[in-house]
PDB file of N, CA and C in Angstrom:
ATOM      1  N   MET A   1     -15.981 -80.639 -59.912  1.00  0.00           N
ATOM      2  CA  MET A   1     -15.383 -80.650 -58.581  1.00  0.00           C
ATOM      3  C   MET A   1     -14.310 -79.560 -58.554  1.00  0.00           C
ATOM      4  N   SER A   2     -14.346 -78.736 -57.530  1.00  0.00           N
ATOM      5  CA  SER A   2     -13.361 -77.656 -57.426  1.00  0.00           C
ATOM      6  C   SER A   2     -11.991 -78.223 -57.085  1.00  0.00           C
ATOM      7  N   ALA A   3     -10.973 -77.399 -57.319  1.00  0.00           N
ATOM      8  CA  ALA A   3      -9.603 -77.831 -57.024  1.00  0.00           C
ATOM      9  C   ALA A   3      -9.451 -78.203 -55.559  1.00  0.00           C
ATOM     10  N   THR A   4     -10.062 -77.441 -54.678  1.00  0.00           N
ATOM     11  CA  THR A   4      -9.964 -77.737 -53.253  1.00  0.00           C
ATOM     12  C   THR A   4     -10.639 -79.060 -52.918  1.00  0.00           C
ATOM     13  N   MET A   5     -11.813 -79.282 -53.472  1.00  0.00           N
ATOM     14  CA  MET A   5     -12.521 -80.541 -53.218  1.00  0.00           C
ATOM     15  C   MET A   5     -11.749 -81.722 -53.794  1.00  0.00           C
ATOM     16  N   LEU A   6     -11.144 -81.522 -54.953  1.00  0.00           N
ATOM     17  CA  LEU A   6     -10.351 -82.575 -55.565  1.00  0.00           C
ATOM     18  C   LEU A   6      -9.121 -82.885 -54.714  1.00  0.00           C
ATOM     19  N   THR A   7      -8.495 -81.854 -54.173  1.00  0.00           N
ATOM     20  CA  THR A   7      -7.336 -82.045 -53.295  1.00  0.00           C
ATOM     21  C   THR A   7      -7.733 -82.830 -52.051  1.00  0.00           C
ATOM     22  N   VAL A   8      -8.863 -82.485 -51.465  1.00  0.00           N
ATOM     23  CA  VAL A   8      -9.345 -83.201 -50.269  1.00  0.00           C
ATOM     24  C   VAL A   8      -9.648 -84.654 -50.615  1.00  0.00           C
ATOM     25  N   ALA A   9     -10.311 -84.886 -51.740  1.00  0.00           N
ATOM     26  CA  ALA A   9     -10.648 -86.251 -52.144  1.00  0.00           C
ATOM     27  C   ALA A   9      -9.386 -87.081 -52.384  1.00  0.00           C
ATOM     28  N   ARG A  10      -8.399 -86.493 -53.057  1.00  0.00           N
ATOM     29  CA  ARG A  10      -7.138 -87.208 -53.290  1.00  0.00           C
ATOM     30  C   ARG A  10      -6.436 -87.513 -51.978  1.00  0.00           C
ATOM     31  N   THR A  11      -6.419 -86.537 -51.084  1.00  0.00           N
ATOM     32  CA  THR A  11      -5.746 -86.707 -49.797  1.00  0.00           C
ATOM     33  C   THR A  11      -6.407 -87.810 -48.984  1.00  0.00           C
ATOM     34  N   ASP A  12      -7.723 -87.805 -48.938  1.00  0.00           N
ATOM     35  CA  ASP A  12      -8.442 -88.854 -48.199  1.00  0.00           C
ATOM     36  C   ASP A  12      -8.156 -90.231 -48.794  1.00  0.00           C
ATOM     37  N   ALA A  13      -8.161 -90.322 -50.127  1.00  0.00           N
ATOM     38  CA  ALA A  13      -7.898 -91.609 -50.774  1.00  0.00           C
ATOM     39  C   ALA A  13      -6.485 -92.096 -50.473  1.00  0.00           C
ATOM     40  N   LEU A  14      -5.518 -91.192 -50.504  1.00  0.00           N
ATOM     41  CA  LEU A  14      -4.143 -91.576 -50.180  1.00  0.00           C
ATOM     42  C   LEU A  14      -4.037 -91.990 -48.714  1.00  0.00           C
ATOM     43  N   PHE A  15      -4.715 -91.273 -47.847  1.00  0.00           N
ATOM     44  CA  PHE A  15      -4.727 -91.574 -46.417  1.00  0.00           C
ATOM     45  C   PHE A  15      -5.166 -93.011 -46.158  1.00  0.00           C
ATOM     46  N   VAL A  16      -6.218 -93.457 -46.847  1.00  0.00           N
ATOM     47  CA  VAL A  16      -6.764 -94.795 -46.578  1.00  0.00           C
ATOM     48  C   VAL A  16      -6.046 -95.898 -47.345  1.00  0.00           C
ATOM     49  N   SER A  17      -5.060 -95.529 -48.134  1.00  0.00           N
ATOM     50  CA  SER A  17      -4.317 -96.530 -48.911  1.00  0.00           C
ATOM     51  C   SER A  17      -3.352 -97.314 -48.021  1.00  0.00           C
ATOM     52  N   ALA A  18      -2.742 -98.319 -48.612  1.00  0.00           N
ATOM     53  CA  ALA A  18      -1.773 -99.146 -47.894  1.00  0.00           C
ATOM     54  C   ALA A  18      -0.342 -98.605 -47.991  1.00  0.00           C
ATOM     55  N   LEU A  19      -0.141 -97.496 -48.675  1.00  0.00           N
ATOM     56  CA  LEU A  19       1.211 -96.931 -48.753  1.00  0.00           C
ATOM     57  C   LEU A  19       1.692 -96.567 -47.357  1.00  0.00           C
ATOM     58  N   ALA A  20       2.946 -96.763 -47.118  1.00  0.00           N
ATOM     59  CA  ALA A  20       3.511 -96.496 -45.793  1.00  0.00           C
ATOM     60  C   ALA A  20       3.585 -94.999 -45.521  1.00  0.00           C
ATOM     61  N   THR A  21       3.184 -94.611 -44.315  1.00  0.00           N
ATOM     62  CA  THR A  21       3.331 -93.222 -43.893  1.00  0.00           C
ATOM     63  C   THR A  21       4.810 -92.873 -43.941  1.00  0.00           C
ATOM     64  N   GLY A  22       5.113 -91.750 -44.539  1.00  0.00           N
ATOM     65  CA  GLY A  22       6.506 -91.336 -44.659  1.00  0.00           C
ATOM     66  C   GLY A  22       7.142 -91.729 -45.970  1.00  0.00           C
ATOM     67  N   SER A  23       6.459 -92.593 -46.739  1.00  0.00           N
ATOM     68  CA  SER A  23       7.021 -92.980 -48.039  1.00  0.00           C
ATOM     69  C   SER A  23       6.955 -91.789 -48.989  1.00  0.00           C
ATOM     70  N   ARG A  24       7.701 -91.900 -50.064  1.00  0.00           N
ATOM     71  CA  ARG A  24       7.756 -90.825 -51.056  1.00  0.00           C
ATOM     72  C   ARG A  24       7.374 -91.373 -52.433  1.00  0.00           C
ATOM     73  N   PRO A  25       6.097 -91.666 -52.610  1.00  0.00           N
ATOM     74  CA  PRO A  25       5.665 -92.235 -53.881  1.00  0.00           C
ATOM     75  C   PRO A  25       5.730 -91.199 -55.007  1.00  0.00           C
ATOM     76  N   GLY A  26       5.978 -91.672 -56.211  1.00  0.00           N
ATOM     77  CA  GLY A  26       5.969 -90.802 -57.376  1.00  0.00           C
ATOM     78  C   GLY A  26       4.554 -90.462 -57.779  1.00  0.00           C
ATOM     79  N   ARG A  27       4.426 -89.482 -58.662  1.00  0.00           N
ATOM     80  CA  ARG A  27       3.105 -89.025 -59.090  1.00  0.00           C
ATOM     81  C   ARG A  27       2.283 -90.158 -59.702  1.00  0.00           C
ATOM     82  N   GLU A  28       2.880 -90.965 -60.573  1.00  0.00           N
ATOM     83  CA  GLU A  28       2.126 -92.053 -61.197  1.00  0.00           C
ATOM     84  C   GLU A  28       1.595 -93.030 -60.162  1.00  0.00           C
ATOM     85  N   GLN A  29       2.414 -93.344 -59.165  1.00  0.00           N
ATOM     86  CA  GLN A  29       1.969 -94.260 -58.112  1.00  0.00           C
ATOM     87  C   GLN A  29       0.830 -93.633 -57.316  1.00  0.00           C
ATOM     88  N   VAL A  30       0.958 -92.350 -56.996  1.00  0.00           N
ATOM     89  CA  VAL A  30      -0.098 -91.659 -56.241  1.00  0.00           C
ATOM     90  C   VAL A  30      -1.397 -91.674 -57.046  1.00  0.00           C
ATOM     91  N   GLU A  31      -1.322 -91.336 -58.335  1.00  0.00           N
ATOM     92  CA  GLU A  31      -2.526 -91.341 -59.166  1.00  0.00           C
ATOM     93  C   GLU A  31      -3.181 -92.716 -59.183  1.00  0.00           C
ATOM     94  N   SER A  32      -2.378 -93.749 -59.323  1.00  0.00           N
ATOM     95  CA  SER A  32      -2.889 -95.114 -59.367  1.00  0.00           C
ATOM     96  C   SER A  32      -3.538 -95.512 -58.042  1.00  0.00           C
ATOM     97  N   VAL A  33      -2.881 -95.210 -56.955  1.00  0.00           N
ATOM     98  CA  VAL A  33      -3.398 -95.551 -55.626  1.00  0.00           C
ATOM     99  C   VAL A  33      -4.683 -94.782 -55.330  1.00  0.00           C
ATOM    100  N   VAL A  34      -4.711 -93.513 -55.674  1.00  0.00           N
ATOM    101  CA  VAL A  34      -5.909 -92.702 -55.437  1.00  0.00           C
ATOM    102  C   VAL A  34      -7.097 -93.286 -56.213  1.00  0.00           C
ATOM    103  N   ARG A  35      -6.893 -93.582 -57.490  1.00  0.00           N
ATOM    104  CA  ARG A  35      -7.982 -94.180 -58.288  1.00  0.00           C
ATOM    105  C   ARG A  35      -8.456 -95.498 -57.676  1.00  0.00           C
ATOM    106  N   ALA A  36      -7.520 -96.330 -57.283  1.00  0.00           N
ATOM    107  CA  ALA A  36      -7.869 -97.636 -56.710  1.00  0.00           C
ATOM    108  C   ALA A  36      -8.651 -97.489 -55.411  1.00  0.00           C
ATOM    109  N   MET A  37      -8.232 -96.584 -54.561  1.00  0.00           N
ATOM    110  CA  MET A  37      -8.911 -96.427 -53.272  1.00  0.00           C
ATOM    111  C   MET A  37     -10.294 -95.826 -53.441  1.00  0.00           C
ATOM    112  N   VAL A  38     -10.450 -94.900 -54.379  1.00  0.00           N
ATOM    113  CA  VAL A  38     -11.781 -94.334 -54.628  1.00  0.00           C
ATOM    114  C   VAL A  38     -12.725 -95.441 -55.111  1.00  0.00           C
ATOM    115  N   ARG A  39     -12.227 -96.309 -55.984  1.00  0.00           N
ATOM    116  CA  ARG A  39     -13.056 -97.447 -56.434  1.00  0.00           C
ATOM    117  C   ARG A  39     -13.368 -98.387 -55.274  1.00  0.00           C
ATOM    118  N   LEU A  40     -12.358 -98.735 -54.506  1.00  0.00           N
ATOM    119  CA  LEU A  40     -12.520 -99.681 -53.405  1.00  0.00           C
ATOM    120  C   LEU A  40     -13.492 -99.171 -52.337  1.00  0.00           C
ATOM    121  N   CYS A  41     -13.430 -97.875 -52.078  1.00  0.00           N
ATOM    122  CA  CYS A  41     -14.284 -97.274 -51.032  1.00  0.00           C
ATOM    123  C   CYS A  41     -15.620 -96.782 -51.582  1.00  0.00           C
ATOM    124  N   HIS A  42     -15.892 -97.069 -52.858  1.00  0.00           N
ATOM    125  CA  HIS A  42     -17.153 -96.666 -53.503  1.00  0.00           C
ATOM    126  C   HIS A  42     -17.312 -95.148 -53.560  1.00  0.00           C
ATOM    127  N   GLY A  43     -16.231 -94.475 -53.900  1.00  0.00           N
ATOM    128  CA  GLY A  43     -16.283 -93.025 -54.092  1.00  0.00           C
ATOM    129  C   GLY A  43     -15.520 -92.255 -53.036  1.00  0.00           C
ATOM    130  N   SER A  44     -15.433 -90.962 -53.275  1.00  0.00           N
ATOM    131  CA  SER A  44     -14.685 -90.106 -52.355  1.00  0.00           C
ATOM    132  C   SER A  44     -15.347 -90.017 -50.980  1.00  0.00           C
ATOM    133  N   ARG A  45     -16.654 -90.124 -50.938  1.00  0.00           N
ATOM    134  CA  ARG A  45     -17.346 -90.099 -49.633  1.00  0.00           C
ATOM    135  C   ARG A  45     -16.987 -91.322 -48.800  1.00  0.00           C
ATOM    136  N   GLY A  46     -16.811 -92.443 -49.459  1.00  0.00           N
ATOM    137  CA  GLY A  46     -16.388 -93.650 -48.749  1.00  0.00           C
ATOM    138  C   GLY A  46     -14.992 -93.493 -48.177  1.00  0.00           C
ATOM    139  N   CYS A  47     -14.101 -92.848 -48.935  1.00  0.00           N
ATOM    140  CA  CYS A  47     -12.750 -92.573 -48.422  1.00  0.00           C
ATOM    141  C   CYS A  47     -12.831 -91.657 -47.211  1.00  0.00           C
ATOM    142  N   ALA A  48     -13.667 -90.609 -47.314  1.00  0.00           N
ATOM    143  CA  ALA A  48     -13.823 -89.670 -46.203  1.00  0.00           C
ATOM    144  C   ALA A  48     -14.357 -90.369 -44.953  1.00  0.00           C
ATOM    145  N   ALA A  49     -15.265 -91.306 -45.140  1.00  0.00           N
ATOM    146  CA  ALA A  49     -15.810 -92.062 -44.004  1.00  0.00           C
ATOM    147  C   ALA A  49     -14.724 -92.904 -43.343  1.00  0.00           C
ATOM    148  N   GLU A  50     -13.844 -93.498 -44.150  1.00  0.00           N
ATOM    149  CA  GLU A  50     -12.729 -94.279 -43.602  1.00  0.00           C
ATOM    150  C   GLU A  50     -11.763 -93.386 -42.818  1.00  0.00           C
ATOM    151  N   VAL A  51     -11.509 -92.194 -43.324  1.00  0.00           N
ATOM    152  CA  VAL A  51     -10.648 -91.241 -42.615  1.00  0.00           C
ATOM    153  C   VAL A  51     -11.269 -90.899 -41.264  1.00  0.00           C
ATOM    154  N   ALA A  52     -12.560 -90.586 -41.258  1.00  0.00           N
ATOM    155  CA  ALA A  52     -13.245 -90.240 -40.009  1.00  0.00           C
ATOM    156  C   ALA A  52     -13.183 -91.386 -39.005  1.00  0.00           C
ATOM    157  N   ALA A  53     -13.362 -92.595 -39.484  1.00  0.00           N
ATOM    158  CA  ALA A  53     -13.291 -93.757 -38.589  1.00  0.00           C
ATOM    159  C   ALA A  53     -11.903 -93.889 -37.984  1.00  0.00           C
ATOM    160  N   CYS A  54     -10.890 -93.654 -38.781  1.00  0.00           N
ATOM    161  CA  CYS A  54      -9.519 -93.761 -38.282  1.00  0.00           C
ATOM    162  C   CYS A  54      -9.243 -92.707 -37.210  1.00  0.00           C
ATOM    163  N   TYR A  55      -9.741 -91.478 -37.408  1.00  0.00           N
ATOM    164  CA  TYR A  55      -9.554 -90.435 -36.398  1.00  0.00           C
ATOM    165  C   TYR A  55     -10.241 -90.820 -35.095  1.00  0.00           C
ATOM    166  N   GLY A  56     -11.373 -91.499 -35.193  1.00  0.00           N
ATOM    167  CA  GLY A  56     -12.077 -91.918 -33.991  1.00  0.00           C
ATOM    168  C   GLY A  56     -11.386 -93.058 -33.272  1.00  0.00           C
ATOM    169  N   GLU A  57     -10.754 -93.951 -34.040  1.00  0.00           N
ATOM    170  CA  GLU A  57     -10.127 -95.135 -33.452  1.00  0.00           C
ATOM    171  C   GLU A  57      -8.701 -94.881 -32.972  1.00  0.00           C
ATOM    172  N   VAL A  58      -7.901 -94.224 -33.762  1.00  0.00           N
ATOM    173  CA  VAL A  58      -6.490 -93.979 -33.414  1.00  0.00           C
ATOM    174  C   VAL A  58      -6.067 -92.563 -33.842  1.00  0.00           C
ATOM    175  N   PRO A  59      -6.546 -91.557 -33.118  1.00  0.00           N
ATOM    176  CA  PRO A  59      -6.297 -90.176 -33.543  1.00  0.00           C
ATOM    177  C   PRO A  59      -4.816 -89.803 -33.607  1.00  0.00           C
ATOM    178  N   GLU A  60      -3.995 -90.361 -32.736  1.00  0.00           N
ATOM    179  CA  GLU A  60      -2.567 -90.009 -32.760  1.00  0.00           C
ATOM    180  C   GLU A  60      -1.902 -90.491 -34.043  1.00  0.00           C
ATOM    181  N   TYR A  61      -2.322 -91.622 -34.553  1.00  0.00           N
ATOM    182  CA  TYR A  61      -1.827 -92.129 -35.831  1.00  0.00           C
ATOM    183  C   TYR A  61      -2.410 -91.308 -36.988  1.00  0.00           C
ATOM    184  N   ALA A  62      -3.699 -91.017 -36.903  1.00  0.00           N
ATOM    185  CA  ALA A  62      -4.394 -90.329 -37.991  1.00  0.00           C
ATOM    186  C   ALA A  62      -3.802 -88.950 -38.264  1.00  0.00           C
ATOM    187  N   VAL A  63      -3.398 -88.248 -37.249  1.00  0.00           N
ATOM    188  CA  VAL A  63      -2.818 -86.909 -37.433  1.00  0.00           C
ATOM    189  C   VAL A  63      -1.530 -87.003 -38.243  1.00  0.00           C
ATOM    190  N   ARG A  64      -0.657 -87.917 -37.888  1.00  0.00           N
ATOM    191  CA  ARG A  64       0.604 -88.092 -38.634  1.00  0.00           C
ATOM    192  C   ARG A  64       0.328 -88.550 -40.066  1.00  0.00           C
ATOM    193  N   ARG A  65      -0.593 -89.466 -40.206  1.00  0.00           N
ATOM    194  CA  ARG A  65      -0.928 -89.993 -41.533  1.00  0.00           C
ATOM    195  C   ARG A  65      -1.494 -88.899 -42.433  1.00  0.00           C
ATOM    196  N   MET A  66      -2.392 -88.069 -41.893  1.00  0.00           N
ATOM    197  CA  MET A  66      -2.993 -87.007 -42.692  1.00  0.00           C
ATOM    198  C   MET A  66      -1.949 -85.962 -43.082  1.00  0.00           C
ATOM    199  N   ALA A  67      -1.047 -85.627 -42.184  1.00  0.00           N
ATOM    200  CA  ALA A  67       0.004 -84.663 -42.514  1.00  0.00           C
ATOM    201  C   ALA A  67       0.860 -85.188 -43.667  1.00  0.00           C
ATOM    202  N   TRP A  68       1.196 -86.462 -43.620  1.00  0.00           N
ATOM    203  CA  TRP A  68       1.957 -87.085 -44.702  1.00  0.00           C
ATOM    204  C   TRP A  68       1.171 -87.058 -46.010  1.00  0.00           C
ATOM    205  N   ALA A  69      -0.092 -87.473 -45.966  1.00  0.00           N
ATOM    206  CA  ALA A  69      -0.919 -87.514 -47.176  1.00  0.00           C
ATOM    207  C   ALA A  69      -1.054 -86.125 -47.791  1.00  0.00           C
ATOM    208  N   ARG A  70      -1.244 -85.111 -46.969  1.00  0.00           N
ATOM    209  CA  ARG A  70      -1.355 -83.746 -47.487  1.00  0.00           C
ATOM    210  C   ARG A  70      -0.065 -83.300 -48.163  1.00  0.00           C
ATOM    211  N   ARG A  71       1.077 -83.634 -47.568  1.00  0.00           N
ATOM    212  CA  ARG A  71       2.366 -83.261 -48.184  1.00  0.00           C
ATOM    213  C   ARG A  71       2.552 -83.943 -49.532  1.00  0.00           C
ATOM    214  N   VAL A  72       2.234 -85.220 -49.601  1.00  0.00           N
ATOM    215  CA  VAL A  72       2.402 -85.964 -50.852  1.00  0.00           C
ATOM    216  C   VAL A  72       1.497 -85.381 -51.939  1.00  0.00           C
ATOM    217  N   ILE A  73       0.244 -85.151 -51.624  1.00  0.00           N
ATOM    218  CA  ILE A  73      -0.690 -84.606 -52.617  1.00  0.00           C
ATOM    219  C   ILE A  73      -0.258 -83.202 -53.038  1.00  0.00           C
ATOM    220  N   ALA A  74       0.146 -82.383 -52.100  1.00  0.00           N
ATOM    221  CA  ALA A  74       0.605 -81.027 -52.448  1.00  0.00           C
ATOM    222  C   ALA A  74       1.846 -81.070 -53.328  1.00  0.00           C
ATOM    223  N   THR A  75       2.730 -81.997 -53.061  1.00  0.00           N
ATOM    224  CA  THR A  75       3.944 -82.126 -53.868  1.00  0.00           C
ATOM    225  C   THR A  75       3.619 -82.446 -55.327  1.00  0.00           C
ATOM    226  N   HIS A  76       2.664 -83.321 -55.547  1.00  0.00           N
ATOM    227  CA  HIS A  76       2.378 -83.780 -56.902  1.00  0.00           C
ATOM    228  C   HIS A  76       1.272 -83.016 -57.618  1.00  0.00           C
ATOM    229  N   PHE A  77       0.382 -82.386 -56.862  1.00  0.00           N
ATOM    230  CA  PHE A  77      -0.755 -81.730 -57.499  1.00  0.00           C
ATOM    231  C   PHE A  77      -0.932 -80.269 -57.099  1.00  0.00           C
ATOM    232  N   GLY A  78      -0.061 -79.762 -56.222  1.00  0.00           N
ATOM    233  CA  GLY A  78      -0.196 -78.384 -55.745  1.00  0.00           C
ATOM    234  C   GLY A  78      -1.169 -78.307 -54.593  1.00  0.00           C
ATOM    235  N   GLY A  79      -1.298 -77.124 -54.046  1.00  0.00           N
ATOM    236  CA  GLY A  79      -2.212 -76.936 -52.927  1.00  0.00           C
ATOM    237  C   GLY A  79      -1.477 -76.728 -51.631  1.00  0.00           C
ATOM    238  N   ALA A  80      -2.238 -76.519 -50.570  1.00  0.00           N
ATOM    239  CA  ALA A  80      -1.667 -76.249 -49.243  1.00  0.00           C
ATOM    240  C   ALA A  80      -0.977 -77.470 -48.699  1.00  0.00           C
ATOM    241  N   ARG A  81       0.120 -77.256 -48.024  1.00  0.00           N
ATOM    242  CA  ARG A  81       0.855 -78.341 -47.367  1.00  0.00           C
ATOM    243  C   ARG A  81       0.529 -78.279 -45.932  1.00  0.00           C
TER     244      ARG A  81
END
């Protein structure tokens, strides 16, 4: 998996997690949550499907949530913010 694909997969998994938007989780917590969500959603594609559903149901929330998830992942793993 390329770095970009891994960043997207991590971001999607964090997006669908129960962590509060705006929270500042540490790297260990992010790693743990990402692993748990990938398992719960049956893989990164399942996480991506949950993200898509959220954009369809509540797009105004999804935009803020995705911006937060991208910042958190970029902070701990690098990549575009």
